[in-house]
N, C-alpha and C. Protein backbone atom coordinates (compact mmCIF):
# COMPACT_ATOMS: atom_id res chain seq x y z
N UNK A 1 36.10 51.01 12.00
CA UNK A 1 36.48 49.86 12.79
C UNK A 1 37.12 48.85 11.84
N UNK A 2 38.27 48.32 12.20
CA UNK A 2 38.93 47.34 11.37
C UNK A 2 38.23 46.01 11.48
N UNK A 3 38.54 45.14 10.54
CA UNK A 3 37.92 43.81 10.55
C UNK A 3 38.26 43.08 11.83
N UNK A 4 39.51 43.20 12.26
CA UNK A 4 39.93 42.51 13.49
C UNK A 4 39.14 43.02 14.69
N UNK A 5 38.98 44.35 14.79
CA UNK A 5 38.23 44.92 15.91
C UNK A 5 36.76 44.50 15.85
N UNK A 6 36.21 44.41 14.62
CA UNK A 6 34.83 43.97 14.48
C UNK A 6 34.65 42.54 14.94
N UNK A 7 35.62 41.70 14.62
CA UNK A 7 35.57 40.30 15.04
C UNK A 7 35.68 40.21 16.55
N UNK A 8 36.56 41.01 17.14
CA UNK A 8 36.72 41.00 18.60
C UNK A 8 35.44 41.47 19.28
N UNK A 9 34.82 42.52 18.74
CA UNK A 9 33.57 43.02 19.31
C UNK A 9 32.48 41.93 19.24
N UNK A 10 32.44 41.23 18.12
CA UNK A 10 31.46 40.16 17.98
C UNK A 10 31.74 39.04 18.98
N UNK A 11 33.00 38.73 19.19
CA UNK A 11 33.39 37.71 20.15
C UNK A 11 32.93 38.09 21.56
N UNK A 12 33.15 39.33 21.94
CA UNK A 12 32.73 39.79 23.27
C UNK A 12 31.22 39.68 23.42
N UNK A 13 30.49 40.09 22.38
CA UNK A 13 29.03 40.00 22.42
C UNK A 13 28.59 38.54 22.59
N UNK A 14 29.24 37.65 21.89
CA UNK A 14 28.90 36.23 22.01
C UNK A 14 29.21 35.70 23.41
N UNK A 15 30.33 36.12 23.96
CA UNK A 15 30.71 35.65 25.29
C UNK A 15 29.71 36.11 26.35
N UNK A 16 29.24 37.33 26.21
CA UNK A 16 28.27 37.86 27.16
C UNK A 16 26.93 37.17 26.99
N UNK A 17 26.50 37.00 25.71
CA UNK A 17 25.18 36.43 25.44
C UNK A 17 25.11 34.93 25.71
N UNK A 18 26.11 34.21 25.26
CA UNK A 18 26.04 32.76 25.37
C UNK A 18 27.42 32.18 25.61
N UNK A 19 27.79 31.92 26.85
CA UNK A 19 29.11 31.36 27.12
C UNK A 19 29.38 30.05 26.40
N UNK A 20 28.35 29.28 26.07
CA UNK A 20 28.55 28.00 25.40
C UNK A 20 29.12 28.17 23.99
N UNK A 21 28.96 29.37 23.41
CA UNK A 21 29.45 29.60 22.05
C UNK A 21 30.93 30.02 22.02
N UNK A 22 31.58 30.06 23.17
CA UNK A 22 32.96 30.54 23.27
C UNK A 22 33.90 29.81 22.31
N UNK A 23 33.88 28.51 22.29
CA UNK A 23 34.81 27.74 21.46
C UNK A 23 34.63 28.07 19.98
N UNK A 24 33.39 28.16 19.54
CA UNK A 24 33.12 28.48 18.15
C UNK A 24 33.60 29.89 17.80
N UNK A 25 33.34 30.86 18.68
CA UNK A 25 33.76 32.24 18.43
C UNK A 25 35.27 32.36 18.44
N UNK A 26 35.94 31.70 19.36
CA UNK A 26 37.39 31.76 19.43
C UNK A 26 38.02 31.20 18.16
N UNK A 27 37.44 30.11 17.63
CA UNK A 27 37.95 29.53 16.40
C UNK A 27 37.79 30.52 15.24
N UNK A 28 36.66 31.20 15.19
CA UNK A 28 36.41 32.19 14.14
C UNK A 28 37.43 33.32 14.19
N UNK A 29 37.72 33.82 15.37
CA UNK A 29 38.71 34.89 15.53
C UNK A 29 40.07 34.41 15.08
N UNK A 30 40.45 33.21 15.48
CA UNK A 30 41.76 32.66 15.11
C UNK A 30 41.89 32.51 13.60
N UNK A 31 40.81 32.13 12.93
CA UNK A 31 40.85 31.96 11.48
C UNK A 31 40.94 33.29 10.75
N UNK A 32 40.40 34.37 11.33
CA UNK A 32 40.36 35.66 10.65
C UNK A 32 41.48 36.60 11.08
N UNK A 33 42.25 36.25 12.09
CA UNK A 33 43.32 37.09 12.58
C UNK A 33 44.63 36.64 11.97
N UNK A 34 45.43 37.56 11.37
CA UNK A 34 46.70 37.16 10.76
C UNK A 34 47.63 36.54 11.79
N UNK A 35 48.35 35.53 11.36
CA UNK A 35 49.31 34.87 12.25
C UNK A 35 50.51 35.77 12.48
N UNK A 36 51.17 35.60 13.61
CA UNK A 36 52.38 36.37 13.89
C UNK A 36 53.39 36.09 12.79
N UNK A 37 54.06 37.15 12.35
CA UNK A 37 55.09 37.00 11.34
C UNK A 37 54.57 37.14 9.92
N UNK A 38 53.27 37.24 9.72
CA UNK A 38 52.76 37.43 8.37
C UNK A 38 52.86 38.90 8.02
N UNK A 39 52.79 39.20 6.73
CA UNK A 39 52.91 40.58 6.29
C UNK A 39 51.84 41.46 6.92
N UNK A 40 50.62 40.94 7.09
CA UNK A 40 49.55 41.74 7.67
C UNK A 40 49.83 42.09 9.12
N UNK A 41 50.67 41.29 9.77
CA UNK A 41 50.97 41.52 11.18
C UNK A 41 52.39 42.04 11.38
N UNK A 42 53.09 42.36 10.27
CA UNK A 42 54.50 42.71 10.36
C UNK A 42 54.73 44.00 11.15
N UNK A 43 53.80 44.93 11.09
CA UNK A 43 54.02 46.18 11.79
C UNK A 43 53.87 46.05 13.30
N UNK A 44 53.36 44.91 13.77
CA UNK A 44 53.26 44.69 15.20
C UNK A 44 54.34 43.72 15.67
N UNK A 45 55.44 43.68 14.92
CA UNK A 45 56.54 42.78 15.25
C UNK A 45 57.07 43.09 16.65
N UNK A 46 57.73 42.11 17.20
CA UNK A 46 58.32 42.19 18.54
C UNK A 46 59.15 43.46 18.68
N UNK A 47 58.73 44.41 19.52
CA UNK A 47 59.49 45.65 19.69
C UNK A 47 60.90 45.39 20.22
N UNK A 48 61.08 44.34 21.01
CA UNK A 48 62.42 44.03 21.54
C UNK A 48 63.37 43.66 20.41
N UNK A 49 62.87 42.95 19.41
CA UNK A 49 63.71 42.57 18.27
C UNK A 49 64.16 43.81 17.51
N UNK A 50 63.24 44.74 17.31
CA UNK A 50 63.60 45.99 16.62
C UNK A 50 64.60 46.80 17.45
N UNK A 51 64.39 46.84 18.74
CA UNK A 51 65.29 47.59 19.62
C UNK A 51 66.70 47.01 19.55
N UNK A 52 66.80 45.69 19.58
CA UNK A 52 68.12 45.03 19.48
C UNK A 52 68.76 45.32 18.13
N UNK A 53 67.97 45.27 17.07
CA UNK A 53 68.49 45.52 15.73
C UNK A 53 68.96 46.96 15.59
N UNK A 54 68.17 47.91 16.11
CA UNK A 54 68.57 49.33 16.07
C UNK A 54 69.87 49.54 16.84
N UNK A 55 69.98 48.90 18.00
CA UNK A 55 71.19 49.04 18.82
C UNK A 55 72.41 48.50 18.07
N UNK A 56 72.26 47.38 17.39
CA UNK A 56 73.37 46.81 16.62
C UNK A 56 73.76 47.76 15.49
N UNK A 57 72.78 48.34 14.81
CA UNK A 57 73.08 49.28 13.73
C UNK A 57 73.79 50.51 14.27
N UNK A 58 73.29 51.04 15.38
CA UNK A 58 73.92 52.22 16.00
C UNK A 58 75.35 51.93 16.46
N UNK A 59 75.59 50.69 16.88
CA UNK A 59 76.93 50.29 17.34
C UNK A 59 77.84 49.89 16.17
N UNK A 60 77.36 50.06 14.95
CA UNK A 60 78.10 49.73 13.73
C UNK A 60 78.42 48.24 13.62
N UNK A 61 77.55 47.43 14.21
CA UNK A 61 77.65 45.97 14.09
C UNK A 61 76.69 45.56 12.97
N UNK A 62 77.10 45.84 11.76
CA UNK A 62 76.19 45.72 10.62
C UNK A 62 75.75 44.29 10.32
N UNK A 63 76.66 43.33 10.46
CA UNK A 63 76.26 41.94 10.22
C UNK A 63 75.20 41.49 11.23
N UNK A 64 75.38 41.89 12.48
CA UNK A 64 74.40 41.55 13.51
C UNK A 64 73.07 42.26 13.23
N UNK A 65 73.14 43.53 12.83
CA UNK A 65 71.92 44.28 12.51
C UNK A 65 71.16 43.60 11.37
N UNK A 66 71.89 43.19 10.34
CA UNK A 66 71.25 42.50 9.22
C UNK A 66 70.59 41.21 9.67
N UNK A 67 71.27 40.46 10.53
CA UNK A 67 70.72 39.20 11.04
C UNK A 67 69.44 39.45 11.82
N UNK A 68 69.41 40.51 12.62
CA UNK A 68 68.24 40.80 13.45
C UNK A 68 67.08 41.41 12.65
N UNK A 69 67.41 42.26 11.67
CA UNK A 69 66.36 42.88 10.86
C UNK A 69 65.74 41.90 9.86
N UNK A 70 66.54 40.96 9.36
CA UNK A 70 66.10 40.10 8.26
C UNK A 70 64.75 39.43 8.49
N UNK A 71 64.50 38.75 9.62
CA UNK A 71 63.19 38.10 9.77
C UNK A 71 62.03 39.10 9.75
N UNK A 72 62.26 40.27 10.31
CA UNK A 72 61.22 41.31 10.31
C UNK A 72 60.99 41.82 8.89
N UNK A 73 62.10 42.07 8.18
CA UNK A 73 62.00 42.57 6.81
C UNK A 73 61.35 41.55 5.90
N UNK A 74 61.73 40.30 6.03
CA UNK A 74 61.15 39.25 5.19
C UNK A 74 59.68 39.02 5.50
N UNK A 75 59.25 39.38 6.71
CA UNK A 75 57.84 39.28 7.08
C UNK A 75 57.02 40.44 6.53
N UNK A 76 57.72 41.41 5.90
CA UNK A 76 57.00 42.52 5.26
C UNK A 76 56.98 43.82 6.03
N UNK A 77 57.80 43.97 7.06
CA UNK A 77 57.83 45.19 7.86
C UNK A 77 58.62 46.26 7.11
N UNK A 78 57.95 47.33 6.59
CA UNK A 78 58.64 48.35 5.80
C UNK A 78 59.76 49.08 6.56
N UNK A 79 59.58 49.28 7.86
CA UNK A 79 60.63 49.94 8.63
C UNK A 79 61.87 49.05 8.71
N UNK A 80 61.69 47.77 8.97
CA UNK A 80 62.82 46.84 9.02
C UNK A 80 63.48 46.73 7.64
N UNK A 81 62.69 46.77 6.59
CA UNK A 81 63.25 46.75 5.24
C UNK A 81 64.11 47.98 4.99
N UNK A 82 63.65 49.13 5.46
CA UNK A 82 64.43 50.36 5.34
C UNK A 82 65.77 50.21 6.05
N UNK A 83 65.74 49.69 7.27
CA UNK A 83 66.97 49.55 8.03
C UNK A 83 67.88 48.45 7.47
N UNK A 84 67.33 47.45 6.80
CA UNK A 84 68.16 46.49 6.08
C UNK A 84 68.97 47.24 5.03
N UNK A 85 68.29 48.08 4.26
CA UNK A 85 68.97 48.86 3.22
C UNK A 85 70.02 49.78 3.84
N UNK A 86 69.67 50.43 4.93
CA UNK A 86 70.63 51.33 5.60
C UNK A 86 71.87 50.57 6.05
N UNK A 87 71.69 49.37 6.58
CA UNK A 87 72.84 48.57 7.01
C UNK A 87 73.72 48.24 5.81
N UNK A 88 73.11 47.84 4.69
CA UNK A 88 73.91 47.57 3.49
C UNK A 88 74.60 48.84 3.02
N UNK A 89 73.93 49.97 3.13
CA UNK A 89 74.54 51.23 2.72
C UNK A 89 75.73 51.57 3.62
N UNK A 90 75.60 51.34 4.91
CA UNK A 90 76.69 51.62 5.86
C UNK A 90 77.89 50.71 5.59
N UNK A 91 77.63 49.46 5.21
CA UNK A 91 78.73 48.54 4.89
C UNK A 91 79.52 49.12 3.71
N UNK A 92 78.80 49.68 2.75
CA UNK A 92 79.44 50.40 1.65
C UNK A 92 80.11 49.54 0.60
N UNK A 93 79.82 48.26 0.57
CA UNK A 93 80.43 47.37 -0.41
C UNK A 93 79.62 47.41 -1.70
N UNK A 94 80.26 47.68 -2.80
CA UNK A 94 79.58 47.78 -4.10
C UNK A 94 78.81 46.50 -4.45
N UNK A 95 79.31 45.35 -4.00
CA UNK A 95 78.62 44.09 -4.32
C UNK A 95 77.27 43.99 -3.61
N UNK A 96 77.05 44.80 -2.58
CA UNK A 96 75.80 44.77 -1.84
C UNK A 96 74.76 45.77 -2.36
N UNK A 97 75.09 46.47 -3.46
CA UNK A 97 74.15 47.48 -3.97
C UNK A 97 72.82 46.88 -4.39
N UNK A 98 72.84 45.69 -4.95
CA UNK A 98 71.58 45.06 -5.35
C UNK A 98 70.69 44.81 -4.13
N UNK A 99 71.31 44.36 -3.02
CA UNK A 99 70.55 44.14 -1.78
C UNK A 99 70.04 45.47 -1.24
N UNK A 100 70.88 46.47 -1.26
CA UNK A 100 70.49 47.80 -0.78
C UNK A 100 69.26 48.30 -1.54
N UNK A 101 69.32 48.26 -2.85
CA UNK A 101 68.20 48.73 -3.69
C UNK A 101 66.97 47.86 -3.48
N UNK A 102 67.17 46.54 -3.38
CA UNK A 102 66.04 45.62 -3.17
C UNK A 102 65.26 45.99 -1.91
N UNK A 103 65.98 46.24 -0.82
CA UNK A 103 65.29 46.53 0.45
C UNK A 103 64.69 47.93 0.46
N UNK A 104 65.38 48.91 -0.14
CA UNK A 104 64.75 50.23 -0.24
C UNK A 104 63.47 50.15 -1.06
N UNK A 105 63.51 49.40 -2.16
CA UNK A 105 62.33 49.29 -3.02
C UNK A 105 61.17 48.60 -2.29
N UNK A 106 61.45 47.49 -1.61
CA UNK A 106 60.39 46.79 -0.88
C UNK A 106 59.78 47.72 0.17
N UNK A 107 60.62 48.43 0.89
CA UNK A 107 60.14 49.34 1.92
C UNK A 107 59.33 50.49 1.30
N UNK A 108 59.85 51.03 0.21
CA UNK A 108 59.15 52.13 -0.48
C UNK A 108 57.79 51.67 -0.98
N UNK A 109 57.75 50.48 -1.56
CA UNK A 109 56.48 49.94 -2.04
C UNK A 109 55.53 49.65 -0.89
N UNK A 110 56.08 49.44 0.30
CA UNK A 110 55.27 49.24 1.50
C UNK A 110 54.81 50.55 2.12
N UNK A 111 55.18 51.68 1.50
CA UNK A 111 54.69 52.98 1.94
C UNK A 111 55.59 53.71 2.91
N UNK A 112 56.85 53.31 3.06
CA UNK A 112 57.76 53.94 4.03
C UNK A 112 58.41 55.16 3.38
N UNK A 113 58.04 56.39 3.81
CA UNK A 113 58.51 57.62 3.15
C UNK A 113 60.03 57.79 3.08
N UNK A 114 60.77 57.36 4.11
CA UNK A 114 62.23 57.50 4.06
C UNK A 114 62.82 56.70 2.90
N UNK A 115 62.29 55.51 2.66
CA UNK A 115 62.76 54.69 1.54
C UNK A 115 62.33 55.30 0.21
N UNK A 116 61.14 55.83 0.16
CA UNK A 116 60.67 56.48 -1.07
C UNK A 116 61.59 57.65 -1.42
N UNK A 117 61.97 58.41 -0.43
CA UNK A 117 62.87 59.54 -0.64
C UNK A 117 64.24 59.06 -1.13
N UNK A 118 64.76 58.02 -0.51
CA UNK A 118 66.09 57.50 -0.90
C UNK A 118 66.06 56.96 -2.32
N UNK A 119 64.98 56.31 -2.72
CA UNK A 119 64.87 55.86 -4.11
C UNK A 119 64.81 57.05 -5.05
N UNK A 120 64.07 58.09 -4.67
CA UNK A 120 63.99 59.30 -5.50
C UNK A 120 65.38 59.88 -5.73
N UNK A 121 66.18 59.98 -4.67
CA UNK A 121 67.53 60.53 -4.79
C UNK A 121 68.39 59.61 -5.66
N UNK A 122 68.26 58.31 -5.46
CA UNK A 122 69.02 57.36 -6.27
C UNK A 122 68.73 57.50 -7.75
N UNK A 123 67.45 57.62 -8.09
CA UNK A 123 67.08 57.79 -9.50
C UNK A 123 67.45 59.19 -10.01
N UNK A 124 67.34 60.19 -9.19
CA UNK A 124 67.64 61.56 -9.62
C UNK A 124 69.10 61.71 -10.02
N UNK A 125 69.99 61.06 -9.30
CA UNK A 125 71.41 61.24 -9.52
C UNK A 125 72.13 59.99 -10.01
N UNK A 126 71.39 58.90 -10.27
CA UNK A 126 72.02 57.68 -10.74
C UNK A 126 72.95 57.07 -9.71
N UNK A 127 72.47 56.96 -8.48
CA UNK A 127 73.29 56.44 -7.40
C UNK A 127 72.89 55.01 -7.05
N UNK A 128 73.78 54.32 -6.34
CA UNK A 128 73.54 52.97 -5.80
C UNK A 128 73.19 51.98 -6.91
N UNK A 129 73.77 52.17 -8.07
CA UNK A 129 73.52 51.24 -9.16
C UNK A 129 72.23 51.49 -9.91
N UNK A 130 71.48 52.51 -9.54
CA UNK A 130 70.25 52.85 -10.27
C UNK A 130 70.61 53.75 -11.44
N UNK A 131 70.00 53.49 -12.58
CA UNK A 131 70.18 54.35 -13.73
C UNK A 131 69.46 55.67 -13.48
N UNK A 132 70.07 56.75 -13.89
CA UNK A 132 69.43 58.06 -13.73
C UNK A 132 68.12 58.05 -14.52
N UNK A 133 67.02 58.40 -13.83
CA UNK A 133 65.69 58.36 -14.43
C UNK A 133 64.84 59.41 -13.73
N UNK A 134 64.67 60.55 -14.38
CA UNK A 134 63.96 61.66 -13.76
C UNK A 134 62.49 61.34 -13.49
N UNK A 135 61.85 60.56 -14.34
CA UNK A 135 60.45 60.22 -14.11
C UNK A 135 60.29 59.33 -12.88
N UNK A 136 61.17 58.33 -12.73
CA UNK A 136 61.14 57.49 -11.53
C UNK A 136 61.46 58.33 -10.30
N UNK A 137 62.42 59.23 -10.42
CA UNK A 137 62.77 60.11 -9.30
C UNK A 137 61.55 60.92 -8.88
N UNK A 138 60.84 61.47 -9.87
CA UNK A 138 59.65 62.26 -9.57
C UNK A 138 58.54 61.44 -8.92
N UNK A 139 58.36 60.21 -9.40
CA UNK A 139 57.33 59.34 -8.84
C UNK A 139 57.59 59.09 -7.35
N UNK A 140 58.83 58.71 -7.02
CA UNK A 140 59.16 58.40 -5.63
C UNK A 140 59.24 59.65 -4.77
N UNK A 141 59.67 60.77 -5.36
CA UNK A 141 59.71 62.02 -4.61
C UNK A 141 58.30 62.45 -4.21
N UNK A 142 57.37 62.33 -5.14
CA UNK A 142 55.98 62.70 -4.84
C UNK A 142 55.39 61.79 -3.75
N UNK A 143 55.63 60.49 -3.86
CA UNK A 143 55.10 59.56 -2.85
C UNK A 143 55.67 59.88 -1.47
N UNK A 144 56.97 60.15 -1.40
CA UNK A 144 57.59 60.49 -0.12
C UNK A 144 57.01 61.78 0.43
N UNK A 145 56.83 62.77 -0.43
CA UNK A 145 56.26 64.05 -0.01
C UNK A 145 54.84 63.87 0.50
N UNK A 146 54.05 63.10 -0.21
CA UNK A 146 52.68 62.83 0.22
C UNK A 146 52.64 62.04 1.52
N UNK A 147 53.70 61.28 1.79
CA UNK A 147 53.81 60.51 3.03
C UNK A 147 54.31 61.33 4.20
N UNK A 148 54.59 62.63 3.96
CA UNK A 148 54.99 63.51 5.05
C UNK A 148 56.49 63.73 5.21
N UNK A 149 57.30 63.25 4.27
CA UNK A 149 58.75 63.42 4.36
C UNK A 149 59.09 64.87 4.04
N UNK A 150 59.62 65.58 5.02
CA UNK A 150 59.85 67.03 4.88
C UNK A 150 60.84 67.39 3.78
N UNK A 151 61.95 66.69 3.69
CA UNK A 151 62.91 67.00 2.62
C UNK A 151 62.29 66.74 1.26
N UNK A 152 61.52 65.66 1.14
CA UNK A 152 60.86 65.36 -0.12
C UNK A 152 59.88 66.46 -0.48
N UNK A 153 59.15 66.96 0.51
CA UNK A 153 58.22 68.07 0.27
C UNK A 153 58.97 69.30 -0.24
N UNK A 154 60.09 69.60 0.40
CA UNK A 154 60.90 70.76 0.00
C UNK A 154 61.39 70.60 -1.44
N UNK A 155 61.95 69.42 -1.77
CA UNK A 155 62.49 69.20 -3.10
C UNK A 155 61.39 69.07 -4.15
N UNK A 156 60.22 68.60 -3.75
CA UNK A 156 59.10 68.57 -4.69
C UNK A 156 58.68 70.00 -5.03
N UNK A 157 58.67 70.87 -4.03
CA UNK A 157 58.40 72.29 -4.29
C UNK A 157 59.41 72.87 -5.26
N UNK A 158 60.69 72.53 -5.08
CA UNK A 158 61.73 73.00 -6.00
C UNK A 158 61.54 72.41 -7.39
N UNK A 159 61.14 71.14 -7.45
CA UNK A 159 60.91 70.50 -8.75
C UNK A 159 59.81 71.20 -9.52
N UNK A 160 58.73 71.59 -8.82
CA UNK A 160 57.66 72.33 -9.48
C UNK A 160 58.12 73.74 -9.86
N UNK A 161 58.96 74.34 -9.07
CA UNK A 161 59.46 75.68 -9.39
C UNK A 161 60.36 75.66 -10.62
N UNK A 162 61.12 74.58 -10.79
CA UNK A 162 62.11 74.50 -11.86
C UNK A 162 61.68 73.61 -13.03
N UNK A 163 60.56 72.90 -12.89
CA UNK A 163 60.13 71.99 -13.95
C UNK A 163 61.03 70.78 -14.08
N UNK A 164 61.38 70.17 -12.97
CA UNK A 164 62.29 69.01 -12.96
C UNK A 164 61.54 67.72 -12.61
N UNK A 165 62.20 66.61 -12.86
CA UNK A 165 61.72 65.27 -12.52
C UNK A 165 60.35 64.96 -13.10
N UNK A 166 60.10 65.49 -14.29
CA UNK A 166 58.85 65.22 -14.98
C UNK A 166 57.69 66.10 -14.54
N UNK A 167 57.94 67.04 -13.65
CA UNK A 167 56.88 67.95 -13.19
C UNK A 167 56.92 69.23 -14.01
N UNK A 168 55.74 69.76 -14.36
CA UNK A 168 55.73 71.04 -15.09
C UNK A 168 56.04 72.19 -14.13
N UNK A 169 56.48 73.29 -14.68
CA UNK A 169 56.64 74.49 -13.85
C UNK A 169 55.24 74.89 -13.39
N UNK A 170 55.07 74.95 -12.08
CA UNK A 170 53.77 75.25 -11.50
C UNK A 170 54.00 76.01 -10.19
N UNK A 171 53.94 77.35 -10.26
CA UNK A 171 54.23 78.16 -9.06
C UNK A 171 53.31 77.85 -7.87
N UNK A 172 52.04 77.51 -8.14
CA UNK A 172 51.12 77.20 -7.04
C UNK A 172 51.54 75.91 -6.33
N UNK A 173 51.87 74.88 -7.10
CA UNK A 173 52.33 73.63 -6.49
C UNK A 173 53.67 73.82 -5.79
N UNK A 174 54.54 74.64 -6.39
CA UNK A 174 55.84 74.92 -5.78
C UNK A 174 55.64 75.57 -4.41
N UNK A 175 54.75 76.55 -4.35
CA UNK A 175 54.48 77.24 -3.08
C UNK A 175 53.82 76.29 -2.08
N UNK A 176 52.86 75.50 -2.55
CA UNK A 176 52.15 74.57 -1.68
C UNK A 176 53.14 73.62 -0.99
N UNK A 177 54.00 72.95 -1.78
CA UNK A 177 54.91 71.96 -1.22
C UNK A 177 56.00 72.59 -0.38
N UNK A 178 56.44 73.78 -0.77
CA UNK A 178 57.45 74.47 0.04
C UNK A 178 56.87 74.83 1.40
N UNK A 179 55.67 75.38 1.41
CA UNK A 179 55.03 75.74 2.69
C UNK A 179 54.74 74.49 3.52
N UNK A 180 54.32 73.43 2.85
CA UNK A 180 54.03 72.18 3.57
C UNK A 180 55.30 71.65 4.23
N UNK A 181 56.43 71.77 3.56
CA UNK A 181 57.69 71.29 4.15
C UNK A 181 58.08 72.11 5.37
N UNK A 182 57.72 73.36 5.37
CA UNK A 182 58.05 74.24 6.49
C UNK A 182 57.14 74.00 7.69
N UNK A 183 55.90 73.60 7.42
CA UNK A 183 54.95 73.38 8.49
C UNK A 183 54.82 71.90 8.85
N UNK A 184 55.17 71.04 7.88
CA UNK A 184 55.05 69.59 8.02
C UNK A 184 53.66 69.17 8.50
N UNK A 185 52.66 69.76 7.82
CA UNK A 185 51.27 69.37 8.15
C UNK A 185 50.57 68.83 6.94
């Protein structure tokens, strides 16, 4: 049970037991519940805002997509951060590479496997202004694979088979990750 659910359960118990304690319990819940727009609440961002931002990105209205994703991304939403980077990537302007990498990194650090995979590829091949760095590529490839990213799982299996990206040749790990990519379980 999460802390928020525990607080809500306690609030319900208080309401049933003693209605007079309602104001005190409500204040306690408000103090312990993250405010809208905070990083802790970023994943519950307004679905309509995300839908509008996705539609703008799909329609190749990149400036509008960036405008719509930005408040969500700045609030700490890893998915919105990923799509900020994708919009910068679609624009394709070299001057925006720092922004592209910044948003992929924030998203990756927030646990978003697609961003972790994109950082791995960037480091593996020295793309998007990232210096080629096999150890960094391996770190992000492993995180993406552990997060369930199928391509990352497949390439991690290949990395173990070939001894790349800082991984030793390990046939058992190669087989494990290759099979995992095929089953995605």
